[in-house]
Amino acid sequence: MAMLNTKKFLRFISFSAAIVFFAGTVLVCVAATSNAAEQVPIPGTIVKRGVPWVDTTKFKKNPPWKIGFSCPSLTDDWLVYHLELMKYFAKQNSKLIKEFYVTDAEGNPIKQIADTEDLAVKGIDVLLSTPVSPAANPGQEAVFRKGIPVVQFTRTGGTEEYTSILLTQEELIGRMITEWLCKAINYKGNIVVFSGVPGAWPSEGRLMGMRQVLLKYPDVKIVGGPVYTYWTLTIAKRAMEDFIAGIPKIDGIWSDSGMSAQPAMEAWLEAGRKPIPSGGDIFNGWLKMWKEKKLPVYATTNVPLFIGVTAMATAFKILRGEPVPRTAEFPVYDITDQNIDKWVRMDLGDAYFPFDSVPGFFQAPEDLKKRLFGSKK
């Protein structure tokens, strides 16, 4: 793939105010101003109407640059794969990057504060940051106050001290899963709820979306959970086994992720029960189980695996002095019986996440997928 540059971005825009319709909302991808040609979103992102664009001319400097990434942890396959994609993208753009430093906070906010301080000492030109939790904010905030631009992504972290932030529409995901599930059980019945990591925005945002929808359907009752599974299959399966043993009637399973939906459904079927409606996100093991067993289930896309690549591309724009949106988001897609074949990879392992590429901008390499997820299990 050719090195990322402004001209490549401009090919994605054919007029000054591109309007995208998504989920019933009009999203303006390029602000309609006199300098709209300069306000070009990274492909694969959406910028909502009214979001300000940040003047980054003060950060402009010639490459190659030092880029630091403060990673919250590397404890699950999603985090490992998304970092590998960042490294691949960095290699593709090696002429722009002098050093790409990566730290692993191991899920510890105190360590992440120290990590970001260490990155600043190394003389980074830009910080890419995914906070473990709001408790890790002081590290990122200290770097930002030193005049180093910050691109925050995946998690909100509860701070405003960043140059640009990239977010998945977590509440929307929660609403989409819940609307589907409520309809599937005819807007009446008992559901059990599985979430991920307490305090993490992907977990809490999706729960918020779920609660917003359930206010409309009072006959849908939560009879178990939310259980925080830390997106661990064994925890989710054990919790579902406990629900089965202690709750007489369960009509549906709500999960913020396929990593919980798959083991929950597995426990349900192993107990000799007939499949029930269940929602989750785009975890390959979940999609494979769905297709193999023809389950009455549903999924949405997750935090895209290319979000770190997008953060790095945003950093390039900042260091070129090009305007960037204060907030950019990613679209969310339905996975249904009608389009599951577009998403599922039966030839790859369960731990693979399919939402990893943007046509014309970034393509996850097949050899990396096969190296990380070549086994079918």
Protein backbone atom coordinates (compact mmCIF):
# COMPACT_ATOMS: atom_id res chain seq x y z
CA MET A 1 0.00 0.00 0.00
CA ALA A 2 1.29 3.46 -0.83
CA MET A 3 2.39 5.77 1.96
CA LEU A 4 -0.50 7.74 3.47
CA ASN A 5 -0.68 11.34 2.27
CA THR A 6 -3.09 14.21 1.88
CA LYS A 7 -3.66 13.60 -1.82
CA LYS A 8 -4.85 10.10 -1.06
CA PHE A 9 -7.36 11.42 1.44
CA LEU A 10 -8.66 13.99 -1.05
CA ARG A 11 -9.55 11.25 -3.53
CA PHE A 12 -12.24 10.17 -1.08
CA ILE A 13 -13.99 13.53 -1.33
CA SER A 14 -15.65 14.69 -4.55
CA PHE A 15 -17.31 17.82 -3.17
CA SER A 16 -16.89 20.11 -0.19
CA ALA A 17 -19.74 18.84 1.94
CA ALA A 18 -20.18 15.08 1.74
CA ILE A 19 -23.30 13.90 3.53
CA VAL A 20 -23.70 10.35 4.75
CA PHE A 21 -27.01 8.93 5.96
CA PHE A 22 -26.56 6.39 8.74
CA ALA A 23 -29.09 4.90 11.15
CA GLY A 24 -31.54 7.68 10.42
CA THR A 25 -29.05 10.44 11.27
CA VAL A 26 -27.52 12.88 8.82
CA LEU A 27 -23.77 12.99 9.33
CA VAL A 28 -21.67 15.71 7.72
CA CYS A 29 -18.30 14.24 6.81
CA VAL A 30 -16.71 17.53 5.75
CA ALA A 31 -17.65 20.85 7.27
CA ALA A 32 -19.14 23.22 4.69
CA THR A 33 -16.81 26.17 5.21
CA SER A 34 -14.54 28.21 3.00
CA ASN A 35 -11.62 25.91 3.77
CA ALA A 36 -13.65 22.70 3.56
CA ALA A 37 -11.15 21.16 1.13
CA GLU A 38 -8.66 21.00 3.99
CA GLN A 39 -11.11 19.41 6.42
CA VAL A 40 -10.85 15.82 5.25
CA PRO A 41 -11.85 12.99 7.62
CA ILE A 42 -9.83 9.81 7.70
CA PRO A 43 -11.60 7.24 5.47
CA GLY A 44 -13.85 4.96 7.48
CA THR A 45 -14.78 7.65 10.02
CA ILE A 46 -17.75 9.98 10.29
CA VAL A 47 -17.78 13.50 11.66
CA LYS A 48 -21.13 14.73 12.92
CA ARG A 49 -22.61 18.08 12.06
CA GLY A 50 -21.30 20.85 14.30
CA VAL A 51 -18.16 19.05 15.49
CA PRO A 52 -15.30 21.61 15.54
CA TRP A 53 -12.09 21.10 13.62
CA VAL A 54 -8.79 21.68 15.38
CA ASP A 55 -6.13 23.98 13.94
CA THR A 56 -2.90 21.97 14.23
CA THR A 57 -0.49 24.34 12.47
CA LYS A 58 1.47 24.85 15.72
CA PHE A 59 2.33 21.12 15.72
CA LYS A 60 3.63 21.05 12.16
CA LYS A 61 7.12 19.62 11.81
CA ASN A 62 9.07 17.69 9.25
CA PRO A 63 9.21 13.89 9.43
CA PRO A 64 10.40 11.45 10.53
CA TRP A 65 8.48 11.61 13.81
CA LYS A 66 8.53 9.86 17.16
CA ILE A 67 5.13 8.38 17.98
CA GLY A 68 4.20 6.96 21.36
CA PHE A 69 1.26 4.66 22.08
CA SER A 70 0.07 4.21 25.66
CA CYS A 71 -1.76 0.88 25.43
CA PRO A 72 -4.12 -0.10 28.29
CA SER A 73 -3.22 -3.80 28.19
CA LEU A 74 -2.49 -6.70 25.89
CA THR A 75 -4.57 -9.27 27.70
CA ASP A 76 -7.02 -10.21 24.96
CA ASP A 77 -6.86 -11.09 21.29
CA TRP A 78 -8.57 -7.88 20.15
CA LEU A 79 -5.90 -5.70 21.73
CA VAL A 80 -3.06 -7.86 20.41
CA TYR A 81 -4.43 -7.91 16.85
CA HIS A 82 -5.19 -4.18 16.78
CA LEU A 83 -1.60 -3.44 17.91
CA GLU A 84 -0.21 -5.74 15.22
CA LEU A 85 -2.20 -3.79 12.63
CA MET A 86 -0.73 -0.53 13.98
CA LYS A 87 2.78 -1.95 13.66
CA TYR A 88 2.03 -3.08 10.12
CA PHE A 89 0.76 0.40 9.20
CA ALA A 90 3.81 1.99 10.82
CA LYS A 91 6.06 -0.24 8.72
CA GLN A 92 4.18 0.80 5.58
CA ASN A 93 4.87 4.42 6.51
CA SER A 94 8.41 3.93 7.78
CA LYS A 95 9.70 7.05 6.02
CA LEU A 96 7.44 9.13 8.26
CA ILE A 97 8.27 7.40 11.54
CA LYS A 98 11.61 7.58 13.32
CA GLU A 99 10.42 5.62 16.38
CA PHE A 100 7.15 3.93 17.32
CA TYR A 101 7.16 3.39 21.08
CA VAL A 102 4.52 1.14 22.68
CA THR A 103 3.89 0.73 26.39
CA ASP A 104 1.64 -1.85 28.07
CA ALA A 105 -0.16 -0.63 31.20
CA GLU A 106 -1.27 -4.20 32.03
CA GLY A 107 -4.68 -2.85 33.03
CA ASN A 108 -3.14 -0.73 35.80
CA PRO A 109 -3.91 3.03 35.71
CA ILE A 110 -0.96 3.85 37.97
CA LYS A 111 1.39 2.06 35.57
CA GLN A 112 -0.22 3.85 32.62
CA ILE A 113 0.47 7.23 34.22
CA ALA A 114 4.12 6.25 34.57
CA ASP A 115 4.13 4.88 31.00
CA THR A 116 2.94 8.17 29.51
CA GLU A 117 5.53 10.09 31.53
CA ASP A 118 8.23 7.79 30.14
CA LEU A 119 7.00 8.36 26.60
CA ALA A 120 7.20 12.13 27.10
CA VAL A 121 10.79 11.77 28.34
CA LYS A 122 11.64 9.92 25.11
CA GLY A 123 10.75 13.08 23.19
CA ILE A 124 7.65 11.87 21.37
CA ASP A 125 6.05 14.22 18.86
CA VAL A 126 2.54 12.86 19.42
CA LEU A 127 0.84 10.56 21.95
CA LEU A 128 -1.70 7.92 20.99
CA SER A 129 -3.68 7.04 24.10
CA THR A 130 -6.30 4.53 25.17
CA PRO A 131 -6.91 5.11 28.90
CA VAL A 132 -7.34 2.10 31.17
CA SER A 133 -9.92 4.10 33.12
CA PRO A 134 -10.45 7.70 34.29
CA ALA A 135 -7.88 7.00 37.02
CA ALA A 136 -5.20 6.99 34.29
CA ASN A 137 -6.11 10.48 33.04
CA PRO A 138 -3.36 12.40 34.88
CA GLY A 139 -0.67 10.82 32.70
CA GLN A 140 -2.30 11.78 29.43
CA GLU A 141 -3.24 15.21 30.77
CA ALA A 142 0.36 15.90 31.84
CA VAL A 143 1.61 15.06 28.34
CA PHE A 144 -1.04 17.27 26.74
CA ARG A 145 -0.10 20.20 29.00
CA LYS A 146 3.51 19.89 27.84
CA GLY A 147 2.28 20.92 24.40
CA ILE A 148 2.41 17.42 22.90
CA PRO A 149 -0.65 16.62 20.76
CA VAL A 150 -2.76 13.67 21.91
CA VAL A 151 -4.96 11.38 19.85
CA GLN A 152 -7.21 9.46 22.21
CA PHE A 153 -9.18 6.48 20.96
CA THR A 154 -11.49 3.60 21.87
CA ARG A 155 -12.31 4.85 25.38
CA THR A 156 -13.48 8.27 26.53
CA GLY A 157 -11.54 8.21 29.79
CA GLY A 158 -13.56 11.15 31.14
CA THR A 159 -11.01 13.82 30.16
CA GLU A 160 -11.16 16.66 27.64
CA GLU A 161 -7.38 17.05 27.37
CA TYR A 162 -6.70 15.67 23.92
CA THR A 163 -6.30 17.09 20.42
CA SER A 164 -8.64 14.62 18.71
CA ILE A 165 -10.63 11.62 19.91
CA LEU A 166 -11.81 8.59 17.92
CA LEU A 167 -14.80 6.73 19.28
CA THR A 168 -17.10 3.89 18.44
CA GLN A 169 -20.78 4.69 18.92
CA GLU A 170 -21.11 2.44 21.96
CA GLU A 171 -24.56 3.60 23.04
CA LEU A 172 -25.81 3.00 19.51
CA ILE A 173 -24.45 -0.55 19.62
CA GLY A 174 -26.29 -1.12 22.90
CA ARG A 175 -29.51 0.26 21.45
CA MET A 176 -29.25 -1.81 18.26
CA ILE A 177 -28.68 -5.07 20.14
CA THR A 178 -31.54 -4.30 22.54
CA GLU A 179 -34.04 -3.30 19.86
CA TRP A 180 -33.35 -6.51 17.99
CA LEU A 181 -33.61 -8.67 21.10
CA CYS A 182 -36.83 -7.06 22.33
CA LYS A 183 -38.44 -7.56 18.94
CA ALA A 184 -37.20 -11.17 18.81
CA ILE A 185 -38.98 -11.99 22.11
CA ASN A 186 -42.11 -10.03 21.09
CA TYR A 187 -41.37 -7.21 23.53
CA LYS A 188 -42.14 -9.38 26.56
CA GLY A 189 -40.03 -11.77 28.59
CA ASN A 190 -37.00 -12.34 30.81
CA ILE A 191 -33.46 -11.60 29.69
CA VAL A 192 -30.03 -12.07 31.22
CA VAL A 193 -27.29 -9.51 30.64
CA PHE A 194 -23.54 -9.85 30.08
CA SER A 195 -21.14 -6.92 29.97
CA GLY A 196 -17.37 -6.59 29.67
CA VAL A 197 -15.10 -4.59 31.95
CA PRO A 198 -16.56 -2.29 34.63
CA GLY A 199 -15.78 1.34 33.90
CA ALA A 200 -14.62 0.70 30.32
CA TRP A 201 -16.59 2.82 27.86
CA PRO A 202 -17.37 -0.06 25.44
CA SER A 203 -19.07 -1.83 28.36
CA GLU A 204 -20.75 1.11 30.07
CA GLY A 205 -21.78 2.84 26.85
CA ARG A 206 -23.53 -0.27 25.56
CA LEU A 207 -25.28 -0.78 28.89
CA MET A 208 -26.48 2.82 28.72
CA GLY A 209 -27.89 2.17 25.26
CA MET A 210 -29.60 -1.00 26.51
CA ARG A 211 -31.27 0.87 29.38
CA GLN A 212 -32.48 3.62 27.07
CA VAL A 213 -34.32 1.08 24.93
CA LEU A 214 -35.70 -0.97 27.83
CA LEU A 215 -37.49 2.14 29.12
CA LYS A 216 -39.77 1.74 26.10
CA TYR A 217 -40.53 -1.92 26.79
CA PRO A 218 -41.50 -2.41 30.46
CA ASP A 219 -42.55 -6.01 29.86
CA VAL A 220 -38.95 -6.98 29.10
CA LYS A 221 -37.34 -7.78 32.45
CA ILE A 222 -33.68 -8.21 33.38
CA VAL A 223 -33.66 -11.30 35.62
CA GLY A 224 -29.90 -11.86 35.72
CA GLY A 225 -26.91 -9.53 35.55
CA PRO A 226 -25.36 -7.43 34.32
CA VAL A 227 -22.44 -9.79 34.84
CA TYR A 228 -19.03 -8.32 34.02
CA THR A 229 -17.17 -11.07 32.22
CA TYR A 230 -14.01 -9.08 31.40
CA TRP A 231 -14.67 -10.45 27.89
CA THR A 232 -13.48 -13.83 29.10
CA LEU A 233 -15.23 -16.90 27.71
CA THR A 234 -14.89 -19.03 30.84
CA ILE A 235 -16.39 -16.36 33.11
CA ALA A 236 -19.35 -15.87 30.77
CA LYS A 237 -20.03 -19.59 30.50
CA ARG A 238 -19.88 -20.09 34.27
CA ALA A 239 -22.24 -17.16 34.84
CA MET A 240 -24.72 -18.55 32.31
CA GLU A 241 -24.61 -21.95 33.99
CA ASP A 242 -25.49 -20.22 37.26
CA PHE A 243 -28.37 -18.39 35.58
CA ILE A 244 -29.69 -21.65 34.14
CA ALA A 245 -29.56 -23.30 37.56
CA GLY A 246 -31.22 -20.44 39.42
CA ILE A 247 -33.66 -18.74 37.04
CA PRO A 248 -36.77 -20.70 36.00
CA LYS A 249 -37.51 -18.80 32.78
CA ILE A 250 -35.07 -17.09 30.43
CA ASP A 251 -36.31 -15.86 27.06
CA GLY A 252 -33.27 -14.06 25.70
CA ILE A 253 -29.58 -13.30 26.19
CA TRP A 254 -28.22 -9.75 25.94
CA SER A 255 -24.47 -9.50 25.55
CA ASP A 256 -22.28 -6.53 24.72
CA SER A 257 -19.90 -8.84 22.88
CA GLY A 258 -19.69 -12.06 20.95
CA MET A 259 -17.02 -13.14 23.43
CA SER A 260 -19.78 -13.48 26.04
CA ALA A 261 -22.65 -14.41 23.73
CA GLN A 262 -20.86 -17.48 22.37
CA PRO A 263 -20.07 -19.19 25.71
CA ALA A 264 -23.47 -18.19 27.15
CA MET A 265 -25.26 -19.86 24.26
CA GLU A 266 -22.91 -22.84 24.52
CA ALA A 267 -23.89 -23.32 28.17
CA TRP A 268 -27.56 -22.98 27.28
CA LEU A 269 -27.39 -25.62 24.56
CA GLU A 270 -25.30 -27.98 26.71
CA ALA A 271 -28.08 -27.80 29.29
CA GLY A 272 -30.39 -29.32 26.70
CA ARG A 273 -32.31 -26.12 25.98
CA LYS A 274 -33.58 -25.00 22.60
CA PRO A 275 -31.83 -21.93 21.13
CA ILE A 276 -33.20 -18.57 22.25
CA PRO A 277 -32.64 -15.09 20.81
CA SER A 278 -29.29 -13.60 21.68
CA GLY A 279 -27.36 -10.50 20.64
CA GLY A 280 -23.65 -9.75 20.66
CA ASP A 281 -20.96 -8.20 18.52
CA ILE A 282 -18.72 -9.34 15.70
CA PHE A 283 -16.52 -12.02 17.32
CA ASN A 284 -15.64 -14.72 14.80
CA GLY A 285 -16.37 -17.57 17.21
CA TRP A 286 -19.86 -16.20 17.73
CA LEU A 287 -20.44 -15.83 13.98
CA LYS A 288 -19.15 -19.35 13.27
CA MET A 289 -21.38 -20.87 15.96
CA TRP A 290 -24.35 -18.92 14.60
CA LYS A 291 -23.78 -20.12 11.04
CA GLU A 292 -23.04 -23.75 11.96
CA LYS A 293 -26.05 -24.14 14.27
CA LYS A 294 -28.42 -21.76 12.44
CA LEU A 295 -29.11 -19.86 15.66
CA PRO A 296 -31.81 -17.15 16.06
CA VAL A 297 -29.24 -14.48 16.93
CA TYR A 298 -27.84 -11.11 15.93
CA ALA A 299 -24.65 -9.05 16.02
CA THR A 300 -23.31 -5.59 15.31
CA THR A 301 -19.86 -4.52 14.33
CA ASN A 302 -17.52 -3.82 17.22
CA VAL A 303 -14.81 -1.25 17.86
CA PRO A 304 -13.02 -1.56 14.51
CA LEU A 305 -9.66 -3.27 14.60
CA PHE A 306 -8.28 -0.49 12.40
CA ILE A 307 -9.04 2.19 15.03
CA GLY A 308 -5.36 2.32 16.02
CA VAL A 309 -4.39 2.70 12.36
CA THR A 310 -6.88 5.58 12.13
CA ALA A 311 -5.35 7.14 15.25
CA MET A 312 -1.92 6.96 13.65
CA ALA A 313 -3.23 8.48 10.40
CA THR A 314 -4.77 11.27 12.49
CA ALA A 315 -1.37 11.81 14.13
CA PHE A 316 0.21 12.16 10.68
CA LYS A 317 -2.31 14.88 9.81
CA ILE A 318 -1.61 16.74 13.06
CA LEU A 319 2.15 16.67 12.49
CA ARG A 320 1.62 17.95 8.96
CA GLY A 321 -0.33 20.86 10.40
CA GLU A 322 -3.59 19.75 8.77
CA PRO A 323 -6.93 20.28 10.59
CA VAL A 324 -8.42 17.30 12.38
CA PRO A 325 -11.90 16.87 13.87
CA ARG A 326 -12.17 17.24 17.61
CA THR A 327 -14.26 14.05 17.57
CA ALA A 328 -14.59 11.39 14.88
CA GLU A 329 -16.66 8.23 15.12
CA PHE A 330 -17.11 4.95 13.28
CA PRO A 331 -20.27 3.59 11.67
CA VAL A 332 -21.99 0.55 13.16
CA TYR A 333 -23.32 -2.21 10.91
CA ASP A 334 -25.88 -4.97 11.45
CA ILE A 335 -24.92 -8.60 10.99
CA THR A 336 -27.95 -10.73 10.16
CA ASP A 337 -28.77 -14.04 8.47
CA GLN A 338 -28.84 -12.14 5.20
CA ASN A 339 -25.25 -10.84 5.33
CA ILE A 340 -23.39 -13.08 7.78
CA ASP A 341 -21.36 -14.64 4.95
CA LYS A 342 -19.83 -11.22 4.30
CA TRP A 343 -18.39 -11.12 7.82
CA VAL A 344 -17.72 -14.65 9.11
CA ARG A 345 -14.37 -16.35 8.41
CA MET A 346 -14.93 -20.08 8.77
CA ASP A 347 -11.27 -20.69 7.87
CA LEU A 348 -9.93 -18.65 10.80
CA GLY A 349 -9.96 -19.16 14.55
CA ASP A 350 -12.69 -18.09 16.94
CA ALA A 351 -10.62 -15.22 18.34
CA TYR A 352 -10.50 -13.35 15.03
CA PHE A 353 -12.43 -10.06 14.70
CA PRO A 354 -13.56 -9.41 11.11
CA PHE A 355 -14.04 -5.59 11.20
CA ASP A 356 -10.39 -4.87 10.39
CA SER A 357 -10.17 -3.09 7.02
CA VAL A 358 -11.40 -0.02 5.11
CA PRO A 359 -11.59 -0.46 1.33
CA GLY A 360 -9.22 1.89 -0.45
CA PHE A 361 -7.53 3.04 2.76
CA PHE A 362 -6.25 0.11 4.81
CA GLN A 363 -6.33 -3.61 4.21
CA ALA A 364 -5.40 -6.01 7.01
CA PRO A 365 -2.89 -8.49 5.55
CA GLU A 366 -4.04 -12.06 5.12
CA ASP A 367 -0.69 -13.47 6.22
CA LEU A 368 -1.05 -11.67 9.58
CA LYS A 369 -4.58 -13.01 10.03
CA LYS A 370 -3.43 -16.54 9.31
CA ARG A 371 -0.40 -16.21 11.58
CA LEU A 372 -2.52 -15.02 14.52
CA PHE A 373 -5.76 -16.89 13.83
CA GLY A 374 -4.86 -19.69 11.43
CA SER A 375 -6.34 -22.39 13.63
CA LYS A 376 -10.06 -22.90 13.26
CA LYS A 377 -10.43 -22.90 17.05
